[in-house]
Amino acid sequence: MEKANRKYAKRNGQGPPSIVMDSAATSTVIREADKNHVQVLQDLSNKTFLNANGTRSKAGNKAKLLYKIREPANEADMVPSLAMNSLLSTSKLADANYITVFTKDEVQVFDAEATKLNIEGEAVMKGWRCPQTKLWR
């Protein structure tokens, strides 16, 4: 699967190839293996991340994504202990006024300032965003 992800990312000029869209990530985190796909900054991050299994991971340097997107969506933190996939925060995309749409086959991100959505029908599920945690419920 990782080989297929790399091939797709390379074909579409996107990167990092192992990045996963994550609605539970309050920040975008980049694993060391993907550092060539971001601009690693000199500034150190002061963040420590709580992982799903209850462990904590300290961030290293701050980074910028190479996508043409606004702040804070383009901000990231290098996390040396992150092994499997870099995580792209959909919360940060929302903070920067982007719309993320997931389908069974793909995910697309639209600029809400330049996109008009026409949705027919009613939502089958609806949630909200917690102002303290910035997580979607």
C-alpha atoms as a PDB file:
ATOM      1  CA  MET A   1       0.000   0.000   0.000  1.00  0.00           C
ATOM      2  CA  GLU A   2       2.813   2.420   0.838  1.00  0.00           C
ATOM      3  CA  LYS A   3       4.324   1.805  -2.615  1.00  0.00           C
ATOM      4  CA  ALA A   4       0.965   2.623  -4.224  1.00  0.00           C
ATOM      5  CA  ASN A   5       0.714   5.814  -2.123  1.00  0.00           C
ATOM      6  CA  ARG A   6       4.178   6.909  -3.231  1.00  0.00           C
ATOM      7  CA  LYS A   7       3.370   6.219  -6.879  1.00  0.00           C
ATOM      8  CA  TYR A   8       0.094   8.181  -6.652  1.00  0.00           C
ATOM      9  CA  ALA A   9       1.737  11.087  -4.796  1.00  0.00           C
ATOM     10  CA  LYS A  10       4.592  11.264  -7.287  1.00  0.00           C
ATOM     11  CA  ARG A  11       2.189  11.133 -10.239  1.00  0.00           C
ATOM     12  CA  ASN A  12       0.117  13.996  -8.878  1.00  0.00           C
ATOM     13  CA  GLY A  13       3.014  16.178  -7.726  1.00  0.00           C
ATOM     14  CA  GLN A  14       1.845  15.974  -4.129  1.00  0.00           C
ATOM     15  CA  GLY A  15       3.780  15.097  -1.008  1.00  0.00           C
ATOM     16  CA  PRO A  16       4.715  13.924   1.512  1.00  0.00           C
ATOM     17  CA  PRO A  17       3.733  10.520   0.122  1.00  0.00           C
ATOM     18  CA  SER A  18       2.842   8.945   3.459  1.00  0.00           C
ATOM     19  CA  ILE A  19       0.638  11.771   4.768  1.00  0.00           C
ATOM     20  CA  VAL A  20      -2.788  10.748   6.088  1.00  0.00           C
ATOM     21  CA  MET A  21      -5.706  13.167   6.447  1.00  0.00           C
ATOM     22  CA  ASP A  22      -6.680  13.178  10.128  1.00  0.00           C
ATOM     23  CA  SER A  23      -9.746  14.901  11.606  1.00  0.00           C
ATOM     24  CA  ALA A  24      -8.555  14.053  15.130  1.00  0.00           C
ATOM     25  CA  ALA A  25      -5.175  15.740  14.700  1.00  0.00           C
ATOM     26  CA  THR A  26      -5.103  19.281  16.054  1.00  0.00           C
ATOM     27  CA  SER A  27      -1.758  19.885  14.304  1.00  0.00           C
ATOM     28  CA  THR A  28      -0.091  18.526  11.206  1.00  0.00           C
ATOM     29  CA  VAL A  29       2.794  16.250  12.154  1.00  0.00           C
ATOM     30  CA  ILE A  30       5.565  15.052   9.863  1.00  0.00           C
ATOM     31  CA  ARG A  31       7.674  11.941  10.360  1.00  0.00           C
ATOM     32  CA  GLU A  32      11.438  12.123   9.787  1.00  0.00           C
ATOM     33  CA  ALA A  33      11.176   9.909   6.682  1.00  0.00           C
ATOM     34  CA  ASP A  34       9.097  12.654   5.017  1.00  0.00           C
ATOM     35  CA  LYS A  35      11.363  15.602   5.854  1.00  0.00           C
ATOM     36  CA  ASN A  36      12.436  15.975   2.209  1.00  0.00           C
ATOM     37  CA  HIS A  37       8.816  16.765   1.303  1.00  0.00           C
ATOM     38  CA  VAL A  38       8.486  19.792   3.618  1.00  0.00           C
ATOM     39  CA  GLN A  39      10.493  22.895   4.439  1.00  0.00           C
ATOM     40  CA  VAL A  40      12.078  22.179   7.818  1.00  0.00           C
ATOM     41  CA  LEU A  41      12.540  25.433   9.746  1.00  0.00           C
ATOM     42  CA  GLN A  42      15.263  26.340  12.248  1.00  0.00           C
ATOM     43  CA  ASP A  43      12.663  27.094  14.943  1.00  0.00           C
ATOM     44  CA  LEU A  44      12.005  24.363  17.490  1.00  0.00           C
ATOM     45  CA  SER A  45       8.430  23.447  18.336  1.00  0.00           C
ATOM     46  CA  ASN A  46       7.348  23.491  21.978  1.00  0.00           C
ATOM     47  CA  LYS A  47       4.579  20.938  21.367  1.00  0.00           C
ATOM     48  CA  THR A  48       4.140  17.495  22.856  1.00  0.00           C
ATOM     49  CA  PHE A  49       1.520  15.273  21.223  1.00  0.00           C
ATOM     50  CA  LEU A  50      -0.775  12.812  22.968  1.00  0.00           C
ATOM     51  CA  ASN A  51      -0.982   9.647  20.885  1.00  0.00           C
ATOM     52  CA  ALA A  52      -4.047   7.420  20.555  1.00  0.00           C
ATOM     53  CA  ASN A  53      -2.416   4.770  22.781  1.00  0.00           C
ATOM     54  CA  GLY A  54      -1.836   7.287  25.602  1.00  0.00           C
ATOM     55  CA  THR A  55       1.881   7.806  25.028  1.00  0.00           C
ATOM     56  CA  ARG A  56       3.375  11.223  24.328  1.00  0.00           C
ATOM     57  CA  SER A  57       5.637  12.336  21.490  1.00  0.00           C
ATOM     58  CA  LYS A  58       7.761  15.476  21.614  1.00  0.00           C
ATOM     59  CA  ALA A  59       8.019  17.560  18.478  1.00  0.00           C
ATOM     60  CA  GLY A  60      11.333  18.644  17.020  1.00  0.00           C
ATOM     61  CA  ASN A  61      11.595  21.461  14.499  1.00  0.00           C
ATOM     62  CA  LYS A  62       8.711  23.399  13.025  1.00  0.00           C
ATOM     63  CA  ALA A  63       8.061  22.876   9.312  1.00  0.00           C
ATOM     64  CA  LYS A  64       6.054  24.282   6.414  1.00  0.00           C
ATOM     65  CA  LEU A  65       4.104  22.165   3.963  1.00  0.00           C
ATOM     66  CA  LEU A  66       4.955  22.707   0.315  1.00  0.00           C
ATOM     67  CA  TYR A  67       1.296  22.827  -0.721  1.00  0.00           C
ATOM     68  CA  LYS A  68      -0.020  26.216  -1.869  1.00  0.00           C
ATOM     69  CA  ILE A  69      -2.269  26.718   1.171  1.00  0.00           C
ATOM     70  CA  ARG A  70      -2.718  29.499   3.737  1.00  0.00           C
ATOM     71  CA  GLU A  71      -1.590  29.566   7.363  1.00  0.00           C
ATOM     72  CA  PRO A  72      -2.238  27.848   9.701  1.00  0.00           C
ATOM     73  CA  ALA A  73      -2.971  24.964   7.303  1.00  0.00           C
ATOM     74  CA  ASN A  74       0.600  24.981   5.961  1.00  0.00           C
ATOM     75  CA  GLU A  75       2.199  24.809   9.432  1.00  0.00           C
ATOM     76  CA  ALA A  76       3.565  21.497  10.697  1.00  0.00           C
ATOM     77  CA  ASP A  77       5.738  19.987  13.385  1.00  0.00           C
ATOM     78  CA  MET A  78       8.457  17.396  12.868  1.00  0.00           C
ATOM     79  CA  VAL A  79       7.960  14.446  15.231  1.00  0.00           C
ATOM     80  CA  PRO A  80      11.043  12.187  15.313  1.00  0.00           C
ATOM     81  CA  SER A  81       9.229   9.295  17.034  1.00  0.00           C
ATOM     82  CA  LEU A  82       6.421   9.195  14.450  1.00  0.00           C
ATOM     83  CA  ALA A  83       6.942   5.942  12.553  1.00  0.00           C
ATOM     84  CA  MET A  84       4.042   5.045  10.276  1.00  0.00           C
ATOM     85  CA  ASN A  85       2.520   8.087   8.572  1.00  0.00           C
ATOM     86  CA  SER A  86       2.683  11.853   8.662  1.00  0.00           C
ATOM     87  CA  LEU A  87      -0.712  13.335   9.634  1.00  0.00           C
ATOM     88  CA  LEU A  88      -2.399  16.257   7.890  1.00  0.00           C
ATOM     89  CA  SER A  89      -4.770  18.067  10.244  1.00  0.00           C
ATOM     90  CA  THR A  90      -8.197  18.716   8.721  1.00  0.00           C
ATOM     91  CA  SER A  91      -8.794  21.019  11.709  1.00  0.00           C
ATOM     92  CA  LYS A  92      -5.954  23.268  10.538  1.00  0.00           C
ATOM     93  CA  LEU A  93      -7.438  23.221   7.036  1.00  0.00           C
ATOM     94  CA  ALA A  94     -10.785  24.339   8.491  1.00  0.00           C
ATOM     95  CA  ASP A  95      -9.036  27.055  10.534  1.00  0.00           C
ATOM     96  CA  ALA A  96      -7.585  28.405   7.271  1.00  0.00           C
ATOM     97  CA  ASN A  97     -11.049  28.341   5.634  1.00  0.00           C
ATOM     98  CA  TYR A  98     -10.693  25.226   3.502  1.00  0.00           C
ATOM     99  CA  ILE A  99     -13.422  22.631   2.912  1.00  0.00           C
ATOM    100  CA  THR A 100     -12.412  18.964   3.070  1.00  0.00           C
ATOM    101  CA  VAL A 101     -14.624  16.430   1.299  1.00  0.00           C
ATOM    102  CA  PHE A 102     -14.159  12.683   1.731  1.00  0.00           C
ATOM    103  CA  THR A 103     -15.681  10.114  -0.629  1.00  0.00           C
ATOM    104  CA  LYS A 104     -15.220   6.359  -0.743  1.00  0.00           C
ATOM    105  CA  ASP A 105     -12.354   6.805  -3.210  1.00  0.00           C
ATOM    106  CA  GLU A 106     -10.671  10.120  -2.513  1.00  0.00           C
ATOM    107  CA  VAL A 107     -10.347  13.230  -0.431  1.00  0.00           C
ATOM    108  CA  GLN A 108     -10.461  16.730  -1.895  1.00  0.00           C
ATOM    109  CA  VAL A 109      -9.674  20.077  -0.296  1.00  0.00           C
ATOM    110  CA  PHE A 110     -11.343  23.236  -1.617  1.00  0.00           C
ATOM    111  CA  ASP A 111     -10.665  26.892  -0.877  1.00  0.00           C
ATOM    112  CA  ALA A 112     -13.883  28.098   0.811  1.00  0.00           C
ATOM    113  CA  GLU A 113     -13.059  31.648  -0.262  1.00  0.00           C
ATOM    114  CA  ALA A 114     -13.166  30.643  -3.937  1.00  0.00           C
ATOM    115  CA  THR A 115     -15.639  27.739  -3.950  1.00  0.00           C
ATOM    116  CA  LYS A 116     -19.412  27.611  -3.888  1.00  0.00           C
ATOM    117  CA  LEU A 117     -20.972  24.363  -2.718  1.00  0.00           C
ATOM    118  CA  ASN A 118     -24.379  23.236  -3.915  1.00  0.00           C
ATOM    119  CA  ILE A 119     -25.599  20.438  -1.658  1.00  0.00           C
ATOM    120  CA  GLU A 120     -28.937  18.802  -2.333  1.00  0.00           C
ATOM    121  CA  GLY A 121     -30.576  16.690   0.353  1.00  0.00           C
ATOM    122  CA  GLU A 122     -30.160  16.690   4.093  1.00  0.00           C
ATOM    123  CA  ALA A 123     -27.186  15.541   6.111  1.00  0.00           C
ATOM    124  CA  VAL A 124     -27.505  11.996   7.475  1.00  0.00           C
ATOM    125  CA  MET A 125     -25.118  12.902  10.311  1.00  0.00           C
ATOM    126  CA  LYS A 126     -24.116  16.217  11.811  1.00  0.00           C
ATOM    127  CA  GLY A 127     -21.588  17.143  14.461  1.00  0.00           C
ATOM    128  CA  TRP A 128     -19.853  20.121  15.983  1.00  0.00           C
ATOM    129  CA  ARG A 129     -16.373  21.321  16.838  1.00  0.00           C
ATOM    130  CA  CYS A 130     -15.347  21.619  20.482  1.00  0.00           C
ATOM    131  CA  PRO A 131     -13.909  25.134  21.012  1.00  0.00           C
ATOM    132  CA  GLN A 132     -11.478  23.930  23.709  1.00  0.00           C
ATOM    133  CA  THR A 133     -10.008  20.823  22.078  1.00  0.00           C
ATOM    134  CA  LYS A 134     -10.613  21.880  18.429  1.00  0.00           C
ATOM    135  CA  LEU A 135     -11.768  18.289  17.780  1.00  0.00           C
ATOM    136  CA  TRP A 136     -14.844  17.362  15.776  1.00  0.00           C
ATOM    137  CA  ARG A 137     -17.561  15.494  17.680  1.00  0.00           C
END
